[in-house]
Amino acid sequence: MKRIGFLLKVKAEKLEEYKKHHREVWAEMLAALRRQGWHNYSLFVRADGLMFGYFETPVDFKAALAGMAEEPINAKWGDFMVPYFESTEGGRPDENMLELEEVFHLD
């Protein structure tokens, strides 16, 4: 299982609404994540909107994203989430995830 960490930036003024949506993630989106092998998935956010995401997957980061790209619900969720993110790249949030290099792990 590979451990994946990534960063995104939520707009600070939209943070509370963003958190509300993540307390009510669509069942179809949760099913798609499970189908594509996203395990132990967590999001952590600072008050200024800087968000760290973590998940475990049997494949690498690019393959995990590609699997989700095959799920029609992922495009709908991503389009729904676009207004919540700061981005210089444009596109959906999953197209702007900045993968972090793992430098230490204690098992």
PDB file of N, CA and C in Angstrom:
ATOM      1  N   MET A   1       0.855  -1.177   0.000  1.00  0.00           N
ATOM      2  CA  MET A   1       0.000   0.000   0.000  1.00  0.00           C
ATOM      3  C   MET A   1       0.901   1.240   0.000  1.00  0.00           C
ATOM      4  N   LYS A   2       0.641   2.150  -0.912  1.00  0.00           N
ATOM      5  CA  LYS A   2       1.394   3.412  -0.969  1.00  0.00           C
ATOM      6  C   LYS A   2       0.660   4.476  -0.161  1.00  0.00           C
ATOM      7  N   ARG A   3       1.423   5.288   0.548  1.00  0.00           N
ATOM      8  CA  ARG A   3       0.871   6.413   1.311  1.00  0.00           C
ATOM      9  C   ARG A   3       1.058   7.672   0.475  1.00  0.00           C
ATOM     10  N   ILE A   4      -0.025   8.419   0.292  1.00  0.00           N
ATOM     11  CA  ILE A   4      -0.011   9.614  -0.552  1.00  0.00           C
ATOM     12  C   ILE A   4      -0.397  10.823   0.289  1.00  0.00           C
ATOM     13  N   GLY A   5       0.391  11.879   0.210  1.00  0.00           N
ATOM     14  CA  GLY A   5       0.057  13.162   0.819  1.00  0.00           C
ATOM     15  C   GLY A   5      -0.012  14.212  -0.266  1.00  0.00           C
ATOM     16  N   PHE A   6      -0.939  15.153  -0.123  1.00  0.00           N
ATOM     17  CA  PHE A   6      -1.062  16.218  -1.120  1.00  0.00           C
ATOM     18  C   PHE A   6      -1.555  17.501  -0.456  1.00  0.00           C
ATOM     19  N   LEU A   7      -1.339  18.605  -1.148  1.00  0.00           N
ATOM     20  CA  LEU A   7      -1.783  19.919  -0.686  1.00  0.00           C
ATOM     21  C   LEU A   7      -2.759  20.523  -1.679  1.00  0.00           C
ATOM     22  N   LEU A   8      -3.705  21.268  -1.147  1.00  0.00           N
ATOM     23  CA  LEU A   8      -4.611  22.129  -1.904  1.00  0.00           C
ATOM     24  C   LEU A   8      -4.896  23.350  -1.030  1.00  0.00           C
ATOM     25  N   LYS A   9      -5.475  24.384  -1.610  1.00  0.00           N
ATOM     26  CA  LYS A   9      -5.786  25.596  -0.847  1.00  0.00           C
ATOM     27  C   LYS A   9      -7.253  25.938  -1.035  1.00  0.00           C
ATOM     28  N   VAL A  10      -7.999  25.860   0.068  1.00  0.00           N
ATOM     29  CA  VAL A  10      -9.409  26.251   0.086  1.00  0.00           C
ATOM     30  C   VAL A  10      -9.472  27.754   0.355  1.00  0.00           C
ATOM     31  N   LYS A  11     -10.377  28.441  -0.303  1.00  0.00           N
ATOM     32  CA  LYS A  11     -10.558  29.870  -0.032  1.00  0.00           C
ATOM     33  C   LYS A  11     -11.006  30.044   1.417  1.00  0.00           C
ATOM     34  N   ALA A  12     -10.301  30.863   2.171  1.00  0.00           N
ATOM     35  CA  ALA A  12     -10.585  31.037   3.597  1.00  0.00           C
ATOM     36  C   ALA A  12     -12.034  31.456   3.839  1.00  0.00           C
ATOM     37  N   GLU A  13     -12.572  32.297   2.977  1.00  0.00           N
ATOM     38  CA  GLU A  13     -13.946  32.780   3.170  1.00  0.00           C
ATOM     39  C   GLU A  13     -14.995  31.695   2.873  1.00  0.00           C
ATOM     40  N   LYS A  14     -14.588  30.601   2.248  1.00  0.00           N
ATOM     41  CA  LYS A  14     -15.510  29.510   1.926  1.00  0.00           C
ATOM     42  C   LYS A  14     -15.257  28.265   2.774  1.00  0.00           C
ATOM     43  N   LEU A  15     -14.368  28.376   3.742  1.00  0.00           N
ATOM     44  CA  LEU A  15     -13.924  27.208   4.493  1.00  0.00           C
ATOM     45  C   LEU A  15     -15.050  26.524   5.271  1.00  0.00           C
ATOM     46  N   GLU A  16     -15.886  27.278   5.956  1.00  0.00           N
ATOM     47  CA  GLU A  16     -16.952  26.652   6.747  1.00  0.00           C
ATOM     48  C   GLU A  16     -17.945  25.917   5.861  1.00  0.00           C
ATOM     49  N   GLU A  17     -18.275  26.501   4.724  1.00  0.00           N
ATOM     50  CA  GLU A  17     -19.188  25.843   3.789  1.00  0.00           C
ATOM     51  C   GLU A  17     -18.539  24.577   3.209  1.00  0.00           C
ATOM     52  N   TYR A  18     -17.251  24.661   2.905  1.00  0.00           N
ATOM     53  CA  TYR A  18     -16.505  23.506   2.407  1.00  0.00           C
ATOM     54  C   TYR A  18     -16.548  22.364   3.432  1.00  0.00           C
ATOM     55  N   LYS A  19     -16.306  22.688   4.692  1.00  0.00           N
ATOM     56  CA  LYS A  19     -16.335  21.660   5.745  1.00  0.00           C
ATOM     57  C   LYS A  19     -17.724  21.032   5.858  1.00  0.00           C
ATOM     58  N   LYS A  20     -18.756  21.847   5.720  1.00  0.00           N
ATOM     59  CA  LYS A  20     -20.130  21.332   5.777  1.00  0.00           C
ATOM     60  C   LYS A  20     -20.350  20.290   4.679  1.00  0.00           C
ATOM     61  N   HIS A  21     -19.897  20.592   3.464  1.00  0.00           N
ATOM     62  CA  HIS A  21     -20.075  19.649   2.353  1.00  0.00           C
ATOM     63  C   HIS A  21     -19.317  18.348   2.613  1.00  0.00           C
ATOM     64  N   HIS A  22     -18.217  18.428   3.328  1.00  0.00           N
ATOM     65  CA  HIS A  22     -17.452  17.207   3.594  1.00  0.00           C
ATOM     66  C   HIS A  22     -17.995  16.412   4.783  1.00  0.00           C
ATOM     67  N   ARG A  23     -18.910  16.980   5.503  1.00  0.00           N
ATOM     68  CA  ARG A  23     -19.653  16.188   6.494  1.00  0.00           C
ATOM     69  C   ARG A  23     -20.795  15.439   5.817  1.00  0.00           C
ATOM     70  N   GLU A  24     -21.084  15.812   4.575  1.00  0.00           N
ATOM     71  CA  GLU A  24     -22.204  15.243   3.818  1.00  0.00           C
ATOM     72  C   GLU A  24     -21.775  14.821   2.409  1.00  0.00           C
ATOM     73  N   VAL A  25     -20.611  14.172   2.301  1.00  0.00           N
ATOM     74  CA  VAL A  25     -20.131  13.746   0.986  1.00  0.00           C
ATOM     75  C   VAL A  25     -21.143  12.788   0.369  1.00  0.00           C
ATOM     76  N   TRP A  26     -21.396  12.980  -0.901  1.00  0.00           N
ATOM     77  CA  TRP A  26     -22.364  12.167  -1.619  1.00  0.00           C
ATOM     78  C   TRP A  26     -21.995  10.686  -1.527  1.00  0.00           C
ATOM     79  N   ALA A  27     -22.976   9.840  -1.291  1.00  0.00           N
ATOM     80  CA  ALA A  27     -22.750   8.394  -1.182  1.00  0.00           C
ATOM     81  C   ALA A  27     -22.100   7.832  -2.447  1.00  0.00           C
ATOM     82  N   GLU A  28     -22.493   8.352  -3.615  1.00  0.00           N
ATOM     83  CA  GLU A  28     -21.911   7.881  -4.875  1.00  0.00           C
ATOM     84  C   GLU A  28     -20.424   8.210  -4.958  1.00  0.00           C
ATOM     85  N   MET A  29     -20.026   9.354  -4.398  1.00  0.00           N
ATOM     86  CA  MET A  29     -18.613   9.736  -4.403  1.00  0.00           C
ATOM     87  C   MET A  29     -17.821   8.835  -3.461  1.00  0.00           C
ATOM     88  N   LEU A  30     -18.373   8.553  -2.299  1.00  0.00           N
ATOM     89  CA  LEU A  30     -17.704   7.661  -1.352  1.00  0.00           C
ATOM     90  C   LEU A  30     -17.532   6.268  -1.967  1.00  0.00           C
ATOM     91  N   ALA A  31     -18.551   5.791  -2.647  1.00  0.00           N
ATOM     92  CA  ALA A  31     -18.479   4.480  -3.294  1.00  0.00           C
ATOM     93  C   ALA A  31     -17.404   4.462  -4.381  1.00  0.00           C
ATOM     94  N   ALA A  32     -17.305   5.539  -5.147  1.00  0.00           N
ATOM     95  CA  ALA A  32     -16.294   5.620  -6.209  1.00  0.00           C
ATOM     96  C   ALA A  32     -14.887   5.588  -5.613  1.00  0.00           C
ATOM     97  N   LEU A  33     -14.662   6.329  -4.536  1.00  0.00           N
ATOM     98  CA  LEU A  33     -13.351   6.319  -3.886  1.00  0.00           C
ATOM     99  C   LEU A  33     -12.992   4.907  -3.421  1.00  0.00           C
ATOM    100  N   ARG A  34     -13.935   4.242  -2.816  1.00  0.00           N
ATOM    101  CA  ARG A  34     -13.691   2.866  -2.358  1.00  0.00           C
ATOM    102  C   ARG A  34     -13.417   1.934  -3.544  1.00  0.00           C
ATOM    103  N   ARG A  35     -14.206   2.080  -4.602  1.00  0.00           N
ATOM    104  CA  ARG A  35     -14.039   1.237  -5.798  1.00  0.00           C
ATOM    105  C   ARG A  35     -12.651   1.409  -6.393  1.00  0.00           C
ATOM    106  N   GLN A  36     -12.133   2.620  -6.342  1.00  0.00           N
ATOM    107  CA  GLN A  36     -10.839   2.916  -6.953  1.00  0.00           C
ATOM    108  C   GLN A  36      -9.658   2.708  -5.996  1.00  0.00           C
ATOM    109  N   GLY A  37      -9.935   2.168  -4.807  1.00  0.00           N
ATOM    110  CA  GLY A  37      -8.854   1.780  -3.910  1.00  0.00           C
ATOM    111  C   GLY A  37      -8.276   2.892  -3.050  1.00  0.00           C
ATOM    112  N   TRP A  38      -9.062   3.949  -2.809  1.00  0.00           N
ATOM    113  CA  TRP A  38      -8.610   5.022  -1.915  1.00  0.00           C
ATOM    114  C   TRP A  38      -8.981   4.602  -0.494  1.00  0.00           C
ATOM    115  N   HIS A  39      -7.991   4.298   0.318  1.00  0.00           N
ATOM    116  CA  HIS A  39      -8.199   3.830   1.688  1.00  0.00           C
ATOM    117  C   HIS A  39      -7.632   4.833   2.680  1.00  0.00           C
ATOM    118  N   ASN A  40      -8.203   4.826   3.883  1.00  0.00           N
ATOM    119  CA  ASN A  40      -7.681   5.639   4.980  1.00  0.00           C
ATOM    120  C   ASN A  40      -7.526   7.104   4.542  1.00  0.00           C
ATOM    121  N   TYR A  41      -8.524   7.606   3.831  1.00  0.00           N
ATOM    122  CA  TYR A  41      -8.482   8.949   3.240  1.00  0.00           C
ATOM    123  C   TYR A  41      -8.894   9.979   4.293  1.00  0.00           C
ATOM    124  N   SER A  42      -8.055  10.984   4.483  1.00  0.00           N
ATOM    125  CA  SER A  42      -8.325  12.061   5.444  1.00  0.00           C
ATOM    126  C   SER A  42      -7.946  13.403   4.844  1.00  0.00           C
ATOM    127  N   LEU A  43      -8.669  14.437   5.262  1.00  0.00           N
ATOM    128  CA  LEU A  43      -8.344  15.814   4.906  1.00  0.00           C
ATOM    129  C   LEU A  43      -8.154  16.606   6.192  1.00  0.00           C
ATOM    130  N   PHE A  44      -7.117  17.433   6.218  1.00  0.00           N
ATOM    131  CA  PHE A  44      -6.820  18.301   7.351  1.00  0.00           C
ATOM    132  C   PHE A  44      -6.674  19.713   6.806  1.00  0.00           C
ATOM    133  N   VAL A  45      -7.185  20.703   7.534  1.00  0.00           N
ATOM    134  CA  VAL A  45      -7.147  22.069   7.012  1.00  0.00           C
ATOM    135  C   VAL A  45      -6.788  23.064   8.111  1.00  0.00           C
ATOM    136  N   ARG A  46      -5.999  24.063   7.746  1.00  0.00           N
ATOM    137  CA  ARG A  46      -5.697  25.174   8.647  1.00  0.00           C
ATOM    138  C   ARG A  46      -6.752  26.243   8.493  1.00  0.00           C
ATOM    139  N   ALA A  47      -6.775  27.175   9.448  1.00  0.00           N
ATOM    140  CA  ALA A  47      -7.764  28.262   9.426  1.00  0.00           C
ATOM    141  C   ALA A  47      -7.649  29.131   8.174  1.00  0.00           C
ATOM    142  N   ASP A  48      -6.466  29.208   7.580  1.00  0.00           N
ATOM    143  CA  ASP A  48      -6.291  30.016   6.363  1.00  0.00           C
ATOM    144  C   ASP A  48      -6.653  29.248   5.097  1.00  0.00           C
ATOM    145  N   GLY A  49      -7.072  27.968   5.226  1.00  0.00           N
ATOM    146  CA  GLY A  49      -7.518  27.191   4.080  1.00  0.00           C
ATOM    147  C   GLY A  49      -6.488  26.236   3.499  1.00  0.00           C
ATOM    148  N   LEU A  50      -5.242  26.278   3.984  1.00  0.00           N
ATOM    149  CA  LEU A  50      -4.259  25.331   3.475  1.00  0.00           C
ATOM    150  C   LEU A  50      -4.672  23.931   3.920  1.00  0.00           C
ATOM    151  N   MET A  51      -4.819  23.045   2.959  1.00  0.00           N
ATOM    152  CA  MET A  51      -5.331  21.712   3.245  1.00  0.00           C
ATOM    153  C   MET A  51      -4.304  20.654   2.887  1.00  0.00           C
ATOM    154  N   PHE A  52      -4.146  19.701   3.792  1.00  0.00           N
ATOM    155  CA  PHE A  52      -3.317  18.529   3.586  1.00  0.00           C
ATOM    156  C   PHE A  52      -4.238  17.328   3.471  1.00  0.00           C
ATOM    157  N   GLY A  53      -4.073  16.558   2.423  1.00  0.00           N
ATOM    158  CA  GLY A  53      -4.838  15.343   2.243  1.00  0.00           C
ATOM    159  C   GLY A  53      -3.931  14.136   2.304  1.00  0.00           C
ATOM    160  N   TYR A  54      -4.472  13.027   2.792  1.00  0.00           N
ATOM    161  CA  TYR A  54      -3.714  11.789   2.919  1.00  0.00           C
ATOM    162  C   TYR A  54      -4.623  10.619   2.547  1.00  0.00           C
ATOM    163  N   PHE A  55      -4.088   9.688   1.781  1.00  0.00           N
ATOM    164  CA  PHE A  55      -4.792   8.435   1.548  1.00  0.00           C
ATOM    165  C   PHE A  55      -3.779   7.344   1.237  1.00  0.00           C
ATOM    166  N   GLU A  56      -4.246   6.123   1.316  1.00  0.00           N
ATOM    167  CA  GLU A  56      -3.427   4.971   0.979  1.00  0.00           C
ATOM    168  C   GLU A  56      -4.060   4.289  -0.219  1.00  0.00           C
ATOM    169  N   THR A  57      -3.201   3.758  -1.105  1.00  0.00           N
ATOM    170  CA  THR A  57      -3.672   3.161  -2.342  1.00  0.00           C
ATOM    171  C   THR A  57      -2.737   2.041  -2.773  1.00  0.00           C
ATOM    172  N   PRO A  58      -3.257   1.020  -3.428  1.00  0.00           N
ATOM    173  CA  PRO A  58      -2.386  -0.038  -3.927  1.00  0.00           C
ATOM    174  C   PRO A  58      -1.588   0.378  -5.168  1.00  0.00           C
ATOM    175  N   VAL A  59      -1.928   1.515  -5.747  1.00  0.00           N
ATOM    176  CA  VAL A  59      -1.240   2.021  -6.945  1.00  0.00           C
ATOM    177  C   VAL A  59      -0.551   3.334  -6.610  1.00  0.00           C
ATOM    178  N   ASP A  60       0.107   3.950  -7.586  1.00  0.00           N
ATOM    179  CA  ASP A  60       0.742   5.245  -7.324  1.00  0.00           C
ATOM    180  C   ASP A  60      -0.267   6.389  -7.454  1.00  0.00           C
ATOM    181  N   PHE A  61       0.191   7.598  -7.141  1.00  0.00           N
ATOM    182  CA  PHE A  61      -0.672   8.784  -7.128  1.00  0.00           C
ATOM    183  C   PHE A  61      -1.350   9.011  -8.473  1.00  0.00           C
ATOM    184  N   LYS A  62      -0.561   8.963  -9.544  1.00  0.00           N
ATOM    185  CA  LYS A  62      -1.125   9.215 -10.879  1.00  0.00           C
ATOM    186  C   LYS A  62      -2.176   8.166 -11.243  1.00  0.00           C
ATOM    187  N   ALA A  63      -1.913   6.921 -10.914  1.00  0.00           N
ATOM    188  CA  ALA A  63      -2.876   5.861 -11.221  1.00  0.00           C
ATOM    189  C   ALA A  63      -4.134   6.015 -10.369  1.00  0.00           C
ATOM    190  N   ALA A  64      -3.983   6.434  -9.111  1.00  0.00           N
ATOM    191  CA  ALA A  64      -5.147   6.653  -8.249  1.00  0.00           C
ATOM    192  C   ALA A  64      -6.021   7.774  -8.812  1.00  0.00           C
ATOM    193  N   LEU A  65      -5.393   8.848  -9.282  1.00  0.00           N
ATOM    194  CA  LEU A  65      -6.140   9.950  -9.894  1.00  0.00           C
ATOM    195  C   LEU A  65      -6.798   9.506 -11.205  1.00  0.00           C
ATOM    196  N   ALA A  66      -6.068   8.715 -11.985  1.00  0.00           N
ATOM    197  CA  ALA A  66      -6.622   8.240 -13.257  1.00  0.00           C
ATOM    198  C   ALA A  66      -7.841   7.354 -13.022  1.00  0.00           C
ATOM    199  N   GLY A  67      -7.794   6.528 -11.994  1.00  0.00           N
ATOM    200  CA  GLY A  67      -8.941   5.697 -11.664  1.00  0.00           C
ATOM    201  C   GLY A  67     -10.152   6.530 -11.328  1.00  0.00           C
ATOM    202  N   MET A  68      -9.944   7.565 -10.526  1.00  0.00           N
ATOM    203  CA  MET A  68     -11.063   8.440 -10.178  1.00  0.00           C
ATOM    204  C   MET A  68     -11.571   9.206 -11.398  1.00  0.00           C
ATOM    205  N   ALA A  69     -10.682   9.533 -12.320  1.00  0.00           N
ATOM    206  CA  ALA A  69     -11.098  10.251 -13.534  1.00  0.00           C
ATOM    207  C   ALA A  69     -12.070   9.418 -14.371  1.00  0.00           C
ATOM    208  N   GLU A  70     -12.053   8.099 -14.202  1.00  0.00           N
ATOM    209  CA  GLU A  70     -12.972   7.213 -14.919  1.00  0.00           C
ATOM    210  C   GLU A  70     -14.365   7.195 -14.295  1.00  0.00           C
ATOM    211  N   GLU A  71     -14.493   7.745 -13.110  1.00  0.00           N
ATOM    212  CA  GLU A  71     -15.764   7.738 -12.384  1.00  0.00           C
ATOM    213  C   GLU A  71     -16.553   9.002 -12.716  1.00  0.00           C
ATOM    214  N   PRO A  72     -17.721   8.887 -13.383  1.00  0.00           N
ATOM    215  CA  PRO A  72     -18.508  10.078 -13.729  1.00  0.00           C
ATOM    216  C   PRO A  72     -18.849  10.958 -12.523  1.00  0.00           C
ATOM    217  N   ILE A  73     -19.089  10.354 -11.357  1.00  0.00           N
ATOM    218  CA  ILE A  73     -19.436  11.147 -10.168  1.00  0.00           C
ATOM    219  C   ILE A  73     -18.270  12.028  -9.735  1.00  0.00           C
ATOM    220  N   ASN A  74     -17.047  11.616 -10.021  1.00  0.00           N
ATOM    221  CA  ASN A  74     -15.885  12.417  -9.648  1.00  0.00           C
ATOM    222  C   ASN A  74     -15.883  13.759 -10.375  1.00  0.00           C
ATOM    223  N   ALA A  75     -16.248  13.747 -11.653  1.00  0.00           N
ATOM    224  CA  ALA A  75     -16.314  15.008 -12.407  1.00  0.00           C
ATOM    225  C   ALA A  75     -17.400  15.917 -11.836  1.00  0.00           C
ATOM    226  N   LYS A  76     -18.532  15.335 -11.459  1.00  0.00           N
ATOM    227  CA  LYS A  76     -19.619  16.143 -10.883  1.00  0.00           C
ATOM    228  C   LYS A  76     -19.197  16.744  -9.545  1.00  0.00           C
ATOM    229  N   TRP A  77     -18.580  15.917  -8.680  1.00  0.00           N
ATOM    230  CA  TRP A  77     -18.113  16.416  -7.378  1.00  0.00           C
ATOM    231  C   TRP A  77     -17.034  17.488  -7.583  1.00  0.00           C
ATOM    232  N   GLY A  78     -16.096  17.218  -8.473  1.00  0.00           N
ATOM    233  CA  GLY A  78     -15.028  18.178  -8.738  1.00  0.00           C
ATOM    234  C   GLY A  78     -15.553  19.516  -9.236  1.00  0.00           C
ATOM    235  N   ASP A  79     -16.503  19.466 -10.151  1.00  0.00           N
ATOM    236  CA  ASP A  79     -17.103  20.710 -10.653  1.00  0.00           C
ATOM    237  C   ASP A  79     -17.843  21.448  -9.535  1.00  0.00           C
ATOM    238  N   PHE A  80     -18.498  20.709  -8.656  1.00  0.00           N
ATOM    239  CA  PHE A  80     -19.196  21.286  -7.518  1.00  0.00           C
ATOM    240  C   PHE A  80     -18.219  21.961  -6.559  1.00  0.00           C
ATOM    241  N   MET A  81     -17.017  21.419  -6.436  1.00  0.00           N
ATOM    242  CA  MET A  81     -16.014  21.925  -5.491  1.00  0.00           C
ATOM    243  C   MET A  81     -15.159  23.076  -6.040  1.00  0.00           C
ATOM    244  N   VAL A  82     -15.154  23.282  -7.349  1.00  0.00           N
ATOM    245  CA  VAL A  82     -14.294  24.313  -7.952  1.00  0.00           C
ATOM    246  C   VAL A  82     -14.383  25.665  -7.239  1.00  0.00           C
ATOM    247  N   PRO A  83     -15.568  26.194  -6.926  1.00  0.00           N
ATOM    248  CA  PRO A  83     -15.635  27.528  -6.322  1.00  0.00           C
ATOM    249  C   PRO A  83     -14.983  27.645  -4.938  1.00  0.00           C
ATOM    250  N   TYR A  84     -14.668  26.517  -4.319  1.00  0.00           N
ATOM    251  CA  TYR A  84     -14.111  26.540  -2.964  1.00  0.00           C
ATOM    252  C   TYR A  84     -12.591  26.640  -2.934  1.00  0.00           C
ATOM    253  N   PHE A  85     -11.947  26.469  -4.065  1.00  0.00           N
ATOM    254  CA  PHE A  85     -10.493  26.381  -4.084  1.00  0.00           C
ATOM    255  C   PHE A  85      -9.815  27.579  -4.728  1.00  0.00           C
ATOM    256  N   GLU A  86      -8.683  27.934  -4.143  1.00  0.00           N
ATOM    257  CA  GLU A  86      -7.759  28.861  -4.784  1.00  0.00           C
ATOM    258  C   GLU A  86      -6.915  28.023  -5.722  1.00  0.00           C
ATOM    259  N   SER A  87      -6.687  28.504  -6.908  1.00  0.00           N
ATOM    260  CA  SER A  87      -5.868  27.756  -7.840  1.00  0.00           C
ATOM    261  C   SER A  87      -5.292  28.679  -8.892  1.00  0.00           C
ATOM    262  N   THR A  88      -4.023  28.491  -9.182  1.00  0.00           N
ATOM    263  CA  THR A  88      -3.409  29.234 -10.278  1.00  0.00           C
ATOM    264  C   THR A  88      -3.429  28.409 -11.558  1.00  0.00           C
ATOM    265  N   GLU A  89      -3.800  27.143 -11.459  1.00  0.00           N
ATOM    266  CA  GLU A  89      -3.777  26.243 -12.605  1.00  0.00           C
ATOM    267  C   GLU A  89      -5.127  26.140 -13.311  1.00  0.00           C
ATOM    268  N   GLY A  90      -6.205  26.488 -12.645  1.00  0.00           N
ATOM    269  CA  GLY A  90      -7.528  26.287 -13.224  1.00  0.00           C
ATOM    270  C   GLY A  90      -7.930  24.826 -13.103  1.00  0.00           C
ATOM    271  N   GLY A  91      -9.079  24.489 -13.579  1.00  0.00           N
ATOM    272  CA  GLY A  91      -9.542  23.111 -13.549  1.00  0.00           C
ATOM    273  C   GLY A  91     -10.133  22.703 -12.218  1.00  0.00           C
ATOM    274  N   ARG A  92     -10.473  21.420 -12.130  1.00  0.00           N
ATOM    275  CA  ARG A  92     -11.059  20.865 -10.919  1.00  0.00           C
ATOM    276  C   ARG A  92      -9.987  20.679  -9.848  1.00  0.00           C
ATOM    277  N   PRO A  93     -10.388  20.612  -8.589  1.00  0.00           N
ATOM    278  CA  PRO A  93      -9.410  20.440  -7.501  1.00  0.00           C
ATOM    279  C   PRO A  93      -8.515  19.212  -7.672  1.00  0.00           C
ATOM    280  N   ASP A  94      -9.074  18.081  -8.104  1.00  0.00           N
ATOM    281  CA  ASP A  94      -8.251  16.877  -8.243  1.00  0.00           C
ATOM    282  C   ASP A  94      -7.210  17.016  -9.352  1.00  0.00           C
ATOM    283  N   GLU A  95      -7.365  18.000 -10.214  1.00  0.00           N
ATOM    284  CA  GLU A  95      -6.380  18.259 -11.257  1.00  0.00           C
ATOM    285  C   GLU A  95      -5.270  19.179 -10.752  1.00  0.00           C
ATOM    286  N   ASN A  96      -5.418  19.688  -9.530  1.00  0.00           N
ATOM    287  CA  ASN A  96      -4.444  20.626  -8.970  1.00  0.00           C
ATOM    288  C   ASN A  96      -3.800  20.136  -7.678  1.00  0.00           C
ATOM    289  N   MET A  97      -4.007  18.871  -7.346  1.00  0.00           N
ATOM    290  CA  MET A  97      -3.385  18.338  -6.132  1.00  0.00           C
ATOM    291  C   MET A  97      -1.872  18.328  -6.299  1.00  0.00           C
ATOM    292  N   LEU A  98      -1.186  18.877  -5.315  1.00  0.00           N
ATOM    293  CA  LEU A  98       0.275  18.885  -5.328  1.00  0.00           C
ATOM    294  C   LEU A  98       0.757  17.740  -4.442  1.00  0.00           C
ATOM    295  N   GLU A  99       1.289  16.694  -5.075  1.00  0.00           N
ATOM    296  CA  GLU A  99       1.755  15.528  -4.325  1.00  0.00           C
ATOM    297  C   GLU A  99       2.993  15.893  -3.511  1.00  0.00           C
ATOM    298  N   LEU A 100       3.030  15.396  -2.288  1.00  0.00           N
ATOM    299  CA  LEU A 100       4.162  15.615  -1.405  1.00  0.00           C
ATOM    300  C   LEU A 100       5.046  14.370  -1.366  1.00  0.00           C
ATOM    301  N   GLU A 101       6.330  14.585  -1.208  1.00  0.00           N
ATOM    302  CA  GLU A 101       7.276  13.480  -1.082  1.00  0.00           C
ATOM    303  C   GLU A 101       7.300  12.990   0.365  1.00  0.00           C
ATOM    304  N   GLU A 102       7.141  11.704   0.556  1.00  0.00           N
ATOM    305  CA  GLU A 102       7.242  11.145   1.900  1.00  0.00           C
ATOM    306  C   GLU A 102       8.715  11.064   2.292  1.00  0.00           C
ATOM    307  N   VAL A 103       9.066  11.648   3.419  1.00  0.00           N
ATOM    308  CA  VAL A 103      10.457  11.639   3.861  1.00  0.00           C
ATOM    309  C   VAL A 103      10.663  10.856   5.156  1.00  0.00           C
ATOM    310  N   PHE A 104       9.579  10.473   5.821  1.00  0.00           N
ATOM    311  CA  PHE A 104       9.696   9.694   7.051  1.00  0.00           C
ATOM    312  C   PHE A 104       8.383   8.978   7.326  1.00  0.00           C
ATOM    313  N   HIS A 105       8.495   7.768   7.853  1.00  0.00           N
ATOM    314  CA  HIS A 105       7.315   7.014   8.256  1.00  0.00           C
ATOM    315  C   HIS A 105       7.688   6.112   9.416  1.00  0.00           C
ATOM    316  N   LEU A 106       6.921   6.145  10.482  1.00  0.00           N
ATOM    317  CA  LEU A 106       7.089   5.253  11.618  1.00  0.00           C
ATOM    318  C   LEU A 106       5.926   4.274  11.598  1.00  0.00           C
ATOM    319  N   ASP A 107       6.215   3.013  11.429  1.00  0.00           N
ATOM    320  CA  ASP A 107       5.170   1.998  11.370  1.00  0.00           C
ATOM    321  C   ASP A 107       4.911   1.419  12.742  1.00  0.00           C
TER     322      ASP A 107
END
